[in-house]
C-alpha atoms as a PDB file:
ATOM      1  CA  SER A   1     199.939 204.658 304.719  1.00  0.00           C
ATOM      2  CA  VAL A   2     201.048 201.196 303.799  1.00  0.00           C
ATOM      3  CA  ASP A   3     199.609 199.895 300.432  1.00  0.00           C
ATOM      4  CA  TYR A   4     199.012 196.221 301.383  1.00  0.00           C
ATOM      5  CA  ILE A   5     197.770 195.385 297.939  1.00  0.00           C
ATOM      6  CA  ALA A   6     200.965 196.610 296.341  1.00  0.00           C
ATOM      7  CA  GLN A   7     202.946 194.768 299.044  1.00  0.00           C
ATOM      8  CA  PHE A   8     201.053 191.584 298.231  1.00  0.00           C
ATOM      9  CA  GLN A   9     201.685 191.956 294.468  1.00  0.00           C
ATOM     10  CA  MET A  10     205.330 192.531 295.155  1.00  0.00           C
ATOM     11  CA  TYR A  11     205.693 189.263 297.039  1.00  0.00           C
ATOM     12  CA  TRP A  12     203.617 187.471 294.559  1.00  0.00           C
ATOM     13  CA  GLU A  13     205.774 188.503 291.813  1.00  0.00           C
ATOM     14  CA  HIS A  14     208.797 187.359 293.698  1.00  0.00           C
ATOM     15  CA  ARG A  15     207.125 184.228 295.078  1.00  0.00           C
ATOM     16  CA  ASN A  16     209.696 181.892 293.507  1.00  0.00           C
ATOM     17  CA  ILE A  17     212.379 183.616 295.932  1.00  0.00           C
ATOM     18  CA  LEU A  18     210.037 183.190 298.730  1.00  0.00           C
ATOM     19  CA  ILE A  19     209.269 179.452 297.987  1.00  0.00           C
ATOM     20  CA  ALA A  20     213.017 178.751 297.431  1.00  0.00           C
ATOM     21  CA  VAL A  21     213.983 180.234 300.880  1.00  0.00           C
ATOM     22  CA  VAL A  22     211.178 178.574 302.758  1.00  0.00           C
ATOM     23  CA  PHE A  23     212.008 175.280 301.038  1.00  0.00           C
ATOM     24  CA  ALA A  24     215.658 175.497 302.007  1.00  0.00           C
ATOM     25  CA  PHE A  25     214.743 176.326 305.605  1.00  0.00           C
ATOM     26  CA  ALA A  26     212.178 173.529 305.741  1.00  0.00           C
ATOM     27  CA  LEU A  27     214.862 171.140 304.368  1.00  0.00           C
ATOM     28  CA  ILE A  28     217.200 172.223 307.130  1.00  0.00           C
ATOM     29  CA  GLY A  29     214.614 171.960 309.656  1.00  0.00           C
ATOM     30  CA  LEU A  30     213.887 168.329 308.565  1.00  0.00           C
ATOM     31  CA  ILE A  31     217.479 167.471 308.870  1.00  0.00           C
ATOM     32  CA  ASN A  32     217.849 168.942 312.125  1.00  0.00           C
ATOM     33  CA  ALA A  33     214.722 167.380 313.444  1.00  0.00           C
ATOM     34  CA  TYR A  34     215.489 163.909 312.438  1.00  0.00           C
ATOM     35  CA  SER A  35     219.373 164.007 313.018  1.00  0.00           C
ATOM     36  CA  ALA A  36     218.919 165.279 316.669  1.00  0.00           C
ATOM     37  CA  PRO A  37     219.476 162.514 319.150  1.00  0.00           C
ATOM     38  CA  GLU A  38     216.329 161.156 321.029  1.00  0.00           C
ATOM     39  CA  GLU A  39     216.061 162.082 324.734  1.00  0.00           C
ATOM     40  CA  PHE A  40     213.785 160.379 327.410  1.00  0.00           C
ATOM     41  CA  THR A  41     212.778 161.997 330.509  1.00  0.00           C
ATOM     42  CA  SER A  42     211.962 160.060 333.678  1.00  0.00           C
ATOM     43  CA  ARG A  43     210.103 162.006 336.296  1.00  0.00           C
ATOM     44  CA  VAL A  44     209.917 161.359 340.256  1.00  0.00           C
ATOM     45  CA  LYS A  45     207.709 163.106 342.701  1.00  0.00           C
ATOM     46  CA  LEU A  46     208.802 163.459 346.262  1.00  0.00           C
ATOM     47  CA  MET A  47     206.872 164.874 349.355  1.00  0.00           C
ATOM     48  CA  PRO A  48     209.466 165.934 351.896  1.00  0.00           C
ATOM     49  CA  GLU A  49     208.672 166.186 355.557  1.00  0.00           C
ATOM     50  CA  SER A  50     206.895 169.448 356.311  1.00  0.00           C
ATOM     51  CA  ASP A  51     206.812 169.470 359.988  1.00  0.00           C
ATOM     52  CA  GLN A  52     210.512 169.681 361.504  1.00  0.00           C
ATOM     53  CA  GLN A  53     209.200 168.523 365.018  1.00  0.00           C
ATOM     54  CA  GLN A  54     207.812 164.957 364.638  1.00  0.00           C
ATOM     55  CA  SER A  55     205.866 163.198 367.281  1.00  0.00           C
ATOM     56  CA  LEU A  56     207.038 159.838 368.604  1.00  0.00           C
ATOM     57  CA  GLY A  57     203.452 158.856 369.502  1.00  0.00           C
ATOM     58  CA  THR A  58     203.330 155.451 371.383  1.00  0.00           C
ATOM     59  CA  LEU A  59     207.124 155.298 371.474  1.00  0.00           C
ATOM     60  CA  GLY A  60     207.459 158.657 373.207  1.00  0.00           C
ATOM     61  CA  GLY A  61     204.752 157.766 375.756  1.00  0.00           C
ATOM     62  CA  LEU A  62     206.523 154.346 376.583  1.00  0.00           C
ATOM     63  CA  ALA A  63     209.766 156.161 376.968  1.00  0.00           C
ATOM     64  CA  ARG A  64     208.457 158.710 379.306  1.00  0.00           C
ATOM     65  CA  GLN A  65     206.889 155.971 381.483  1.00  0.00           C
ATOM     66  CA  PHE A  66     210.284 154.485 382.090  1.00  0.00           C
ATOM     67  CA  GLY A  67     211.803 157.955 382.956  1.00  0.00           C
ATOM     68  CA  VAL A  68     213.473 158.664 379.581  1.00  0.00           C
ATOM     69  CA  ASN A  69     213.440 162.377 378.731  1.00  0.00           C
ATOM     70  CA  THR A  70     211.803 162.985 375.313  1.00  0.00           C
ATOM     71  CA  SER A  71     211.283 166.799 375.696  1.00  0.00           C
ATOM     72  CA  PHE A  72     214.171 167.735 373.185  1.00  0.00           C
ATOM     73  CA  GLU A  73     213.661 169.464 369.955  1.00  0.00           C
ATOM     74  CA  SER A  74     214.554 167.920 366.609  1.00  0.00           C
ATOM     75  CA  GLY A  75     217.524 169.311 364.457  1.00  0.00           C
ATOM     76  CA  GLU A  76     216.935 171.631 361.760  1.00  0.00           C
ATOM     77  CA  GLY A  77     216.927 170.074 358.159  1.00  0.00           C
ATOM     78  CA  ILE A  78     217.584 171.213 354.636  1.00  0.00           C
ATOM     79  CA  PRO A  79     214.853 173.485 353.305  1.00  0.00           C
ATOM     80  CA  ALA A  80     212.901 172.089 350.348  1.00  0.00           C
ATOM     81  CA  SER A  81     213.905 175.194 348.291  1.00  0.00           C
ATOM     82  CA  LEU A  82     217.582 174.082 348.512  1.00  0.00           C
ATOM     83  CA  TYR A  83     216.787 170.485 347.120  1.00  0.00           C
ATOM     84  CA  PRO A  84     217.673 171.720 343.506  1.00  0.00           C
ATOM     85  CA  GLU A  85     221.141 172.749 344.568  1.00  0.00           C
ATOM     86  CA  VAL A  86     221.729 169.577 346.559  1.00  0.00           C
ATOM     87  CA  ALA A  87     220.825 167.405 343.561  1.00  0.00           C
ATOM     88  CA  LYS A  88     223.281 169.205 341.500  1.00  0.00           C
ATOM     89  CA  ASN A  89     226.247 169.430 343.619  1.00  0.00           C
ATOM     90  CA  LEU A  90     229.589 168.109 342.579  1.00  0.00           C
ATOM     91  CA  LEU A  91     229.387 165.105 344.988  1.00  0.00           C
ATOM     92  CA  MET A  92     226.274 163.998 343.363  1.00  0.00           C
ATOM     93  CA  LEU A  93     227.530 164.641 339.748  1.00  0.00           C
ATOM     94  CA  ASN A  94     230.842 162.821 340.435  1.00  0.00           C
ATOM     95  CA  ARG A  95     228.857 159.896 341.823  1.00  0.00           C
ATOM     96  CA  LEU A  96     226.855 159.809 338.653  1.00  0.00           C
ATOM     97  CA  MET A  97     229.997 159.937 336.419  1.00  0.00           C
ATOM     98  CA  ASN A  98     231.391 156.871 338.019  1.00  0.00           C
ATOM     99  CA  TYR A  99     227.953 155.120 338.179  1.00  0.00           C
ATOM    100  CA  GLU A 100     228.206 151.730 336.418  1.00  0.00           C
ATOM    101  CA  ILE A 101     225.433 150.664 333.953  1.00  0.00           C
ATOM    102  CA  ARG A 102     224.898 147.777 331.671  1.00  0.00           C
ATOM    103  CA  VAL A 103     224.187 148.520 328.012  1.00  0.00           C
ATOM    104  CA  GLN A 104     223.430 146.382 325.066  1.00  0.00           C
ATOM    105  CA  ASN A 105     226.263 145.014 322.778  1.00  0.00           C
ATOM    106  CA  SER A 106     228.757 145.287 325.747  1.00  0.00           C
ATOM    107  CA  GLU A 107     229.880 142.531 327.986  1.00  0.00           C
ATOM    108  CA  GLN A 108     231.489 144.827 330.650  1.00  0.00           C
ATOM    109  CA  PRO A 109     229.558 147.527 332.590  1.00  0.00           C
ATOM    110  CA  LEU A 110     230.399 151.034 331.660  1.00  0.00           C
ATOM    111  CA  THR A 111     230.475 154.130 333.746  1.00  0.00           C
ATOM    112  CA  LEU A 112     228.136 156.920 332.873  1.00  0.00           C
ATOM    113  CA  GLN A 113     231.006 158.960 331.545  1.00  0.00           C
ATOM    114  CA  GLU A 114     232.280 156.012 329.339  1.00  0.00           C
ATOM    115  CA  TYR A 115     228.714 155.562 328.062  1.00  0.00           C
ATOM    116  CA  PHE A 116     228.415 159.275 326.927  1.00  0.00           C
ATOM    117  CA  GLN A 117     231.847 159.200 325.370  1.00  0.00           C
ATOM    118  CA  GLN A 118     231.108 156.124 323.244  1.00  0.00           C
ATOM    119  CA  SER A 119     227.698 157.599 322.318  1.00  0.00           C
ATOM    120  CA  SER A 120     229.434 160.967 321.323  1.00  0.00           C
ATOM    121  CA  ASN A 121     232.029 159.099 319.159  1.00  0.00           C
ATOM    122  CA  ARG A 122     229.282 157.135 317.239  1.00  0.00           C
ATOM    123  CA  SER A 123     227.091 160.215 316.549  1.00  0.00           C
ATOM    124  CA  THR A 124     227.195 161.417 312.922  1.00  0.00           C
ATOM    125  CA  PHE A 125     226.844 165.020 314.146  1.00  0.00           C
ATOM    126  CA  SER A 126     229.933 164.643 316.362  1.00  0.00           C
ATOM    127  CA  VAL A 127     232.043 162.980 313.525  1.00  0.00           C
ATOM    128  CA  ILE A 128     231.323 165.897 311.367  1.00  0.00           C
ATOM    129  CA  GLN A 129     232.125 168.297 313.976  1.00  0.00           C
ATOM    130  CA  LYS A 130     235.369 166.394 314.993  1.00  0.00           C
ATOM    131  CA  TYR A 131     236.722 166.673 311.500  1.00  0.00           C
ATOM    132  CA  THR A 132     235.720 170.322 310.804  1.00  0.00           C
ATOM    133  CA  ILE A 133     235.529 172.481 313.929  1.00  0.00           C
ATOM    134  CA  GLY A 134     237.529 170.092 315.851  1.00  0.00           C
ATOM    135  CA  LEU A 135     240.258 169.666 313.430  1.00  0.00           C
ATOM    136  CA  PRO A 136     242.702 172.147 315.094  1.00  0.00           C
ATOM    137  CA  GLY A 137     242.320 170.115 318.360  1.00  0.00           C
ATOM    138  CA  LEU A 138     243.094 166.944 316.571  1.00  0.00           C
ATOM    139  CA  ILE A 139     246.191 168.310 315.145  1.00  0.00           C
ATOM    140  CA  LEU A 140     247.203 169.741 318.476  1.00  0.00           C
ATOM    141  CA  ASN A 141     246.672 166.324 320.234  1.00  0.00           C
ATOM    142  CA  TRP A 142     248.725 164.745 317.446  1.00  0.00           C
ATOM    143  CA  ILE A 143     251.708 167.207 318.094  1.00  0.00           C
ATOM    144  CA  ARG A 144     251.333 166.496 321.757  1.00  0.00           C
ATOM    145  CA  GLY A 145     251.649 162.756 321.100  1.00  0.00           C
ATOM    146  CA  LEU A 146     254.997 163.500 319.348  1.00  0.00           C
ATOM    147  CA  ILE A 147     256.397 164.860 322.491  1.00  0.00           C
ATOM    148  CA  PRO A 148     258.304 162.318 324.653  1.00  0.00           C
ATOM    149  CA  SER A 149     256.182 160.919 327.468  1.00  0.00           C
ATOM    150  CA  PRO A 150     257.355 161.815 331.121  1.00  0.00           C
ATOM    151  CA  THR A 151     259.873 159.523 332.860  1.00  0.00           C
ATOM    152  CA  LYS A 152     258.770 156.798 335.472  1.00  0.00           C
ATOM    153  CA  GLU A 153     259.998 159.117 338.319  1.00  0.00           C
ATOM    154  CA  ASN A 154     257.940 162.019 337.150  1.00  0.00           C
ATOM    155  CA  ILE A 155     254.818 159.745 336.664  1.00  0.00           C
ATOM    156  CA  LEU A 156     255.182 158.527 340.332  1.00  0.00           C
ATOM    157  CA  GLN A 157     255.404 162.063 341.425  1.00  0.00           C
ATOM    158  CA  VAL A 158     252.304 163.076 339.583  1.00  0.00           C
ATOM    159  CA  GLU A 159     250.467 160.157 341.021  1.00  0.00           C
ATOM    160  CA  GLN A 160     251.695 160.945 344.492  1.00  0.00           C
ATOM    161  CA  SER A 161     250.514 164.632 344.185  1.00  0.00           C
ATOM    162  CA  ALA A 162     247.148 163.393 342.928  1.00  0.00           C
ATOM    163  CA  THR A 163     246.939 160.962 345.908  1.00  0.00           C
ATOM    164  CA  ASN A 164     247.617 163.809 348.343  1.00  0.00           C
ATOM    165  CA  ARG A 165     244.987 165.990 346.685  1.00  0.00           C
ATOM    166  CA  GLN A 166     242.414 163.185 347.057  1.00  0.00           C
ATOM    167  CA  GLN A 167     243.031 163.131 350.857  1.00  0.00           C
ATOM    168  CA  THR A 168     241.701 166.692 351.019  1.00  0.00           C
ATOM    169  CA  ASN A 169     238.363 168.079 350.415  1.00  0.00           C
ATOM    170  CA  ILE A 170     239.637 169.719 347.219  1.00  0.00           C
ATOM    171  CA  GLN A 171     238.036 168.401 344.063  1.00  0.00           C
ATOM    172  CA  ASN A 172     240.225 168.363 340.915  1.00  0.00           C
ATOM    173  CA  PHE A 173     238.691 167.413 337.568  1.00  0.00           C
ATOM    174  CA  SER A 174     240.035 167.326 334.080  1.00  0.00           C
ATOM    175  CA  ASP A 175     238.591 169.316 331.193  1.00  0.00           C
ATOM    176  CA  ALA A 176     236.810 166.101 329.898  1.00  0.00           C
ATOM    177  CA  GLU A 177     235.267 165.661 333.364  1.00  0.00           C
ATOM    178  CA  TRP A 178     234.142 169.333 333.642  1.00  0.00           C
ATOM    179  CA  ILE A 179     232.328 168.862 330.254  1.00  0.00           C
ATOM    180  CA  MET A 180     230.702 165.726 331.700  1.00  0.00           C
ATOM    181  CA  ILE A 181     229.757 167.424 334.802  1.00  0.00           C
ATOM    182  CA  ASP A 182     228.024 170.320 332.830  1.00  0.00           C
ATOM    183  CA  ASN A 183     226.300 167.744 330.613  1.00  0.00           C
ATOM    184  CA  LEU A 184     224.891 165.977 333.625  1.00  0.00           C
ATOM    185  CA  ARG A 185     223.855 169.166 335.308  1.00  0.00           C
ATOM    186  CA  SER A 186     221.835 170.151 332.325  1.00  0.00           C
ATOM    187  CA  ARG A 187     220.110 166.856 332.290  1.00  0.00           C
ATOM    188  CA  ILE A 188     218.866 166.985 335.914  1.00  0.00           C
ATOM    189  CA  SER A 189     215.864 169.299 336.867  1.00  0.00           C
ATOM    190  CA  VAL A 190     214.508 169.666 340.496  1.00  0.00           C
ATOM    191  CA  ILE A 191     211.547 171.807 340.844  1.00  0.00           C
ATOM    192  CA  GLN A 192     209.345 172.590 344.032  1.00  0.00           C
ATOM    193  CA  ASP A 193     205.691 173.235 343.710  1.00  0.00           C
ATOM    194  CA  GLN A 194     205.187 176.178 345.895  1.00  0.00           C
ATOM    195  CA  ASP A 195     201.449 175.438 346.352  1.00  0.00           C
ATOM    196  CA  THR A 196     201.708 171.752 347.450  1.00  0.00           C
ATOM    197  CA  GLY A 197     205.375 171.598 348.312  1.00  0.00           C
ATOM    198  CA  ILE A 198     206.001 168.562 346.174  1.00  0.00           C
ATOM    199  CA  ILE A 199     209.490 168.110 344.727  1.00  0.00           C
ATOM    200  CA  VAL A 200     209.567 167.057 341.079  1.00  0.00           C
ATOM    201  CA  VAL A 201     212.771 165.425 340.005  1.00  0.00           C
ATOM    202  CA  GLU A 202     213.211 165.029 336.265  1.00  0.00           C
ATOM    203  CA  VAL A 203     216.169 163.329 334.438  1.00  0.00           C
ATOM    204  CA  LYS A 204     216.656 163.355 330.735  1.00  0.00           C
ATOM    205  CA  MET A 205     218.893 160.752 329.046  1.00  0.00           C
ATOM    206  CA  PRO A 206     219.227 159.099 325.600  1.00  0.00           C
ATOM    207  CA  ASP A 207     217.905 155.771 326.900  1.00  0.00           C
ATOM    208  CA  PRO A 208     214.564 155.398 328.556  1.00  0.00           C
ATOM    209  CA  TYR A 209     215.882 152.683 330.923  1.00  0.00           C
ATOM    210  CA  LEU A 210     218.988 154.796 331.737  1.00  0.00           C
ATOM    211  CA  ALA A 211     216.729 157.898 332.412  1.00  0.00           C
ATOM    212  CA  ALA A 212     214.746 155.947 335.033  1.00  0.00           C
ATOM    213  CA  GLU A 213     217.860 154.262 336.535  1.00  0.00           C
ATOM    214  CA  THR A 214     219.712 157.634 336.775  1.00  0.00           C
ATOM    215  CA  ALA A 215     216.536 159.375 338.183  1.00  0.00           C
ATOM    216  CA  ASN A 216     216.494 156.580 341.042  1.00  0.00           C
ATOM    217  CA  GLN A 217     220.214 157.352 341.782  1.00  0.00           C
ATOM    218  CA  VAL A 218     219.435 161.126 342.037  1.00  0.00           C
ATOM    219  CA  VAL A 219     216.593 160.402 344.423  1.00  0.00           C
ATOM    220  CA  GLU A 220     218.688 157.986 346.566  1.00  0.00           C
ATOM    221  CA  PHE A 221     221.484 160.507 346.842  1.00  0.00           C
ATOM    222  CA  LEU A 222     219.082 163.405 347.681  1.00  0.00           C
ATOM    223  CA  THR A 223     217.260 161.317 350.429  1.00  0.00           C
ATOM    224  CA  GLU A 224     220.773 160.137 351.760  1.00  0.00           C
ATOM    225  CA  TYR A 225     222.344 163.615 351.812  1.00  0.00           C
ATOM    226  CA  ILE A 226     219.286 165.092 353.598  1.00  0.00           C
ATOM    227  CA  THR A 227     219.269 162.355 356.112  1.00  0.00           C
ATOM    228  CA  ASN A 228     222.880 162.587 356.962  1.00  0.00           C
ATOM    229  CA  TYR A 229     222.678 166.337 357.314  1.00  0.00           C
ATOM    230  CA  ARG A 230     219.784 166.220 359.562  1.00  0.00           C
ATOM    231  CA  THR A 231     221.236 163.357 361.723  1.00  0.00           C
ATOM    232  CA  GLU A 232     224.962 163.997 361.638  1.00  0.00           C
ATOM    233  CA  LYS A 233     225.064 165.798 365.161  1.00  0.00           C
ATOM    234  CA  THR A 234     222.798 163.094 366.792  1.00  0.00           C
ATOM    235  CA  ARG A 235     224.814 160.229 365.260  1.00  0.00           C
ATOM    236  CA  LYS A 236     228.052 161.528 366.551  1.00  0.00           C
ATOM    237  CA  ASP A 237     226.516 161.964 370.029  1.00  0.00           C
ATOM    238  CA  LEU A 238     225.200 158.395 369.831  1.00  0.00           C
ATOM    239  CA  GLU A 239     228.695 157.081 369.033  1.00  0.00           C
ATOM    240  CA  PHE A 240     230.234 159.113 371.830  1.00  0.00           C
ATOM    241  CA  ILE A 241     227.654 157.911 374.465  1.00  0.00           C
ATOM    242  CA  GLU A 242     228.128 154.156 373.330  1.00  0.00           C
ATOM    243  CA  GLU A 243     231.842 154.564 373.879  1.00  0.00           C
ATOM    244  CA  ARG A 244     231.251 156.060 377.377  1.00  0.00           C
ATOM    245  CA  LEU A 245     228.707 153.446 378.227  1.00  0.00           C
ATOM    246  CA  GLU A 246     231.097 150.727 377.371  1.00  0.00           C
ATOM    247  CA  GLU A 247     233.780 152.229 379.591  1.00  0.00           C
ATOM    248  CA  ALA A 248     231.238 152.708 382.409  1.00  0.00           C
ATOM    249  CA  LYS A 249     230.189 149.107 382.072  1.00  0.00           C
ATOM    250  CA  ILE A 250     233.743 147.980 382.464  1.00  0.00           C
ATOM    251  CA  LYS A 251     234.320 150.002 385.522  1.00  0.00           C
ATOM    252  CA  PHE A 252     231.029 148.888 387.012  1.00  0.00           C
ATOM    253  CA  VAL A 253     231.647 145.273 386.491  1.00  0.00           C
ATOM    254  CA  GLU A 254     235.321 145.721 388.104  1.00  0.00           C
ATOM    255  CA  ALA A 255     233.801 147.364 391.088  1.00  0.00           C
ATOM    256  CA  GLN A 256     231.210 144.784 391.512  1.00  0.00           C
ATOM    257  CA  GLN A 257     233.829 141.954 391.233  1.00  0.00           C
ATOM    258  CA  ALA A 258     236.035 143.782 393.649  1.00  0.00           C
ATOM    259  CA  LEU A 259     233.317 144.148 396.345  1.00  0.00           C
ATOM    260  CA  ALA A 260     232.271 140.674 395.904  1.00  0.00           C
ATOM    261  CA  SER A 261     235.939 139.354 396.329  1.00  0.00           C
ATOM    262  CA  TYR A 262     236.379 141.360 399.318  1.00  0.00           C
ATOM    263  CA  SER A 263     233.172 140.177 400.796  1.00  0.00           C
ATOM    264  CA  ASP A 264     234.213 136.427 400.339  1.00  0.00           C
ATOM    265  CA  ARG A 265     237.644 137.154 401.821  1.00  0.00           C
ATOM    266  CA  GLN A 266     236.370 139.021 404.959  1.00  0.00           C
ATOM    267  CA  ARG A 267     233.499 136.765 405.767  1.00  0.00           C
ATOM    268  CA  GLY A 268     233.099 136.358 409.607  1.00  0.00           C
ATOM    269  CA  THR A 269     235.531 139.206 410.496  1.00  0.00           C
ATOM    270  CA  THR A 270     234.421 142.284 412.383  1.00  0.00           C
ATOM    271  CA  ARG A 271     237.466 144.652 412.444  1.00  0.00           C
ATOM    272  CA  ALA A 272     236.813 148.363 411.918  1.00  0.00           C
ATOM    273  CA  THR A 273     239.415 148.543 409.255  1.00  0.00           C
ATOM    274  CA  ASP A 274     237.554 145.827 407.342  1.00  0.00           C
ATOM    275  CA  ASP A 275     234.452 148.049 407.512  1.00  0.00           C
ATOM    276  CA  ILE A 276     236.128 151.075 406.314  1.00  0.00           C
ATOM    277  CA  GLU A 277     237.405 149.046 403.348  1.00  0.00           C
ATOM    278  CA  ARG A 278     234.004 147.663 402.713  1.00  0.00           C
ATOM    279  CA  GLN A 279     232.502 151.143 402.740  1.00  0.00           C
ATOM    280  CA  ARG A 280     235.071 152.330 400.214  1.00  0.00           C
ATOM    281  CA  LEU A 281     234.439 149.498 397.837  1.00  0.00           C
ATOM    282  CA  GLU A 282     230.501 149.951 398.258  1.00  0.00           C
ATOM    283  CA  ASN A 283     230.944 153.739 397.379  1.00  0.00           C
ATOM    284  CA  GLU A 284     233.035 152.904 394.276  1.00  0.00           C
ATOM    285  CA  PHE A 285     230.373 150.381 393.311  1.00  0.00           C
ATOM    286  CA  SER A 286     227.612 152.825 393.903  1.00  0.00           C
ATOM    287  CA  ILE A 287     229.343 155.439 391.764  1.00  0.00           C
ATOM    288  CA  ALA A 288     230.091 153.099 388.991  1.00  0.00           C
ATOM    289  CA  PHE A 289     226.517 151.763 388.951  1.00  0.00           C
ATOM    290  CA  ASN A 290     225.043 155.470 388.903  1.00  0.00           C
ATOM    291  CA  ILE A 291     227.358 156.392 385.888  1.00  0.00           C
ATOM    292  CA  TYR A 292     226.444 153.240 384.080  1.00  0.00           C
ATOM    293  CA  ASN A 293     222.779 153.833 384.754  1.00  0.00           C
ATOM    294  CA  VAL A 294     222.936 157.446 383.522  1.00  0.00           C
ATOM    295  CA  MET A 295     224.898 156.651 380.534  1.00  0.00           C
ATOM    296  CA  ALA A 296     222.257 153.700 379.635  1.00  0.00           C
ATOM    297  CA  GLN A 297     219.565 156.274 380.056  1.00  0.00           C
ATOM    298  CA  ARG A 298     221.351 158.854 377.891  1.00  0.00           C
ATOM    299  CA  LEU A 299     221.837 156.107 375.191  1.00  0.00           C
ATOM    300  CA  GLU A 300     218.165 155.379 375.070  1.00  0.00           C
ATOM    301  CA  GLU A 301     217.258 159.117 374.832  1.00  0.00           C
ATOM    302  CA  THR A 302     219.793 159.486 372.022  1.00  0.00           C
ATOM    303  CA  LYS A 303     218.292 156.536 370.037  1.00  0.00           C
ATOM    304  CA  ILE A 304     214.905 158.063 370.317  1.00  0.00           C
ATOM    305  CA  ARG A 305     216.330 161.499 369.393  1.00  0.00           C
ATOM    306  CA  LEU A 306     217.994 159.962 366.336  1.00  0.00           C
ATOM    307  CA  GLN A 307     214.539 158.324 365.355  1.00  0.00           C
ATOM    308  CA  GLU A 308     212.874 161.714 365.829  1.00  0.00           C
ATOM    309  CA  VAL A 309     215.202 163.878 363.796  1.00  0.00           C
ATOM    310  CA  THR A 310     215.425 161.340 360.857  1.00  0.00           C
ATOM    311  CA  PRO A 311     213.502 163.063 357.963  1.00  0.00           C
ATOM    312  CA  VAL A 312     210.812 161.247 356.133  1.00  0.00           C
ATOM    313  CA  VAL A 313     210.810 161.876 352.280  1.00  0.00           C
ATOM    314  CA  SER A 314     207.874 159.987 350.800  1.00  0.00           C
ATOM    315  CA  ILE A 315     208.006 159.095 347.047  1.00  0.00           C
ATOM    316  CA  LEU A 316     204.667 159.819 345.445  1.00  0.00           C
ATOM    317  CA  ASP A 317     205.657 158.714 341.895  1.00  0.00           C
ATOM    318  CA  PRO A 318     208.655 156.230 341.735  1.00  0.00           C
ATOM    319  CA  PRO A 319     210.908 156.431 338.774  1.00  0.00           C
ATOM    320  CA  ALA A 320     209.388 154.932 335.775  1.00  0.00           C
ATOM    321  CA  VAL A 321     210.696 153.873 332.286  1.00  0.00           C
ATOM    322  CA  PRO A 322     209.120 156.488 329.741  1.00  0.00           C
ATOM    323  CA  ASN A 323     207.509 155.065 326.742  1.00  0.00           C
ATOM    324  CA  GLN A 324     207.752 158.120 324.611  1.00  0.00           C
ATOM    325  CA  ARG A 325     210.693 160.458 323.831  1.00  0.00           C
ATOM    326  CA  SER A 326     210.685 164.006 325.145  1.00  0.00           C
ATOM    327  CA  GLU A 327     213.045 165.385 322.656  1.00  0.00           C
ATOM    328  CA  PRO A 328     213.297 166.264 319.895  1.00  0.00           C
ATOM    329  CA  GLN A 329     209.932 167.865 319.136  1.00  0.00           C
ATOM    330  CA  ARG A 330     210.156 167.304 315.284  1.00  0.00           C
ATOM    331  CA  MET A 331     206.983 168.900 314.181  1.00  0.00           C
ATOM    332  CA  GLN A 332     207.885 171.996 316.295  1.00  0.00           C
ATOM    333  CA  ILE A 333     211.280 172.204 315.006  1.00  0.00           C
ATOM    334  CA  PHE A 334     209.985 171.950 311.352  1.00  0.00           C
ATOM    335  CA  ILE A 335     207.264 174.520 311.806  1.00  0.00           C
ATOM    336  CA  LEU A 336     209.888 176.904 313.413  1.00  0.00           C
ATOM    337  CA  PHE A 337     212.368 176.569 310.519  1.00  0.00           C
ATOM    338  CA  VAL A 338     209.466 177.076 308.115  1.00  0.00           C
ATOM    339  CA  VAL A 339     208.476 180.373 309.898  1.00  0.00           C
ATOM    340  CA  ILE A 340     211.975 181.543 310.001  1.00  0.00           C
ATOM    341  CA  GLY A 341     212.381 180.664 306.225  1.00  0.00           C
ATOM    342  CA  PHE A 342     209.273 182.667 305.499  1.00  0.00           C
ATOM    343  CA  ILE A 343     210.579 185.724 307.472  1.00  0.00           C
ATOM    344  CA  VAL A 344     213.958 185.408 305.821  1.00  0.00           C
ATOM    345  CA  GLY A 345     212.330 185.259 302.405  1.00  0.00           C
ATOM    346  CA  VAL A 346     210.225 188.366 303.033  1.00  0.00           C
ATOM    347  CA  ILE A 347     213.246 190.282 304.239  1.00  0.00           C
ATOM    348  CA  ALA A 348     215.187 189.063 301.131  1.00  0.00           C
ATOM    349  CA  ILE A 349     212.428 190.242 298.924  1.00  0.00           C
ATOM    350  CA  ASN A 350     212.364 193.697 300.650  1.00  0.00           C
ATOM    351  CA  VAL A 351     216.147 194.139 300.428  1.00  0.00           C
ATOM    352  CA  ASN A 352     216.150 193.258 296.849  1.00  0.00           C
ATOM    353  CA  GLN A 353     213.403 195.877 296.071  1.00  0.00           C
ATOM    354  CA  GLN A 354     215.334 198.388 297.976  1.00  0.00           C
ATOM    355  CA  ILE A 355     218.565 197.666 296.033  1.00  0.00           C
ATOM    356  CA  ARG A 356     216.683 197.890 292.636  1.00  0.00           C
ATOM    357  CA  SER A 357     215.024 201.178 293.611  1.00  0.00           C
ATOM    358  CA  LEU A 358     218.445 202.965 294.250  1.00  0.00           C
END
């Protein structure tokens, strides 16, 4: 059995070691807690549309009175469980990287990527890291700077190849951009409440106003992406029908003018050939009118369909500027280091006793 009294006496005799270790870790905890950059979190609550098949209500009833068919089904949208993936895709992160913001002590607006680069360069932590751990990288970059730069022809070839890559769907990012993408991805959180279905979007930034502004950008992109995904097929159908309707209108007007002109020229004549020509023009006019009428009806149906399939994402809580920092939790960091220091001190005393007993 363990003799707790003897153990306590041993720790009491070596209390100086325990106090010294705890004090050292407490000091490290204080430095860590107060040197860590402050972070602010802005939170937005969204309530996505739950019913995929909306009712047009009065609009649908009015449309049916005029013979417009509204019995179609709405398109399928993105499940709310996939919203976290949508909010962190490369299109969104690339859009955030190039999003311009206005900061204090800067006349020109900065992109989010430039803002983080400047903030990192001003950080005391990053300066120490730059000239210690990052020293080999600085030396390597200095050596690269000694290498002659590419000729003008090579630069043009590189720019041309980059332009060709931009014309495709392939995304090509530099190492610095990938670091920025990972940084932004870690700052965005999208969680769905399984009970209520509410989507909670959280964005963490070093500045409270920047956090709220970025959260608003994330919500705008999310809503825009969901809407475009849901209505893409219907919008293409609408564009196609509008083009066909314009063509049908031109043919209808031409047939109408041709029939009217012929009637004016042949007024008062009763020849059989004239009746045949009139009947042909009237048939062309009737066909053109029927096509125009059908396309006009299809256009109204498609407009109603577009309204029906457009998703509704209600914002329950809009982005707000946080008035308190979310990180760092200084007291928790300090207590954590004190506990770690106490454990390390106890282990050190036990190891010391084991070595002496050998």
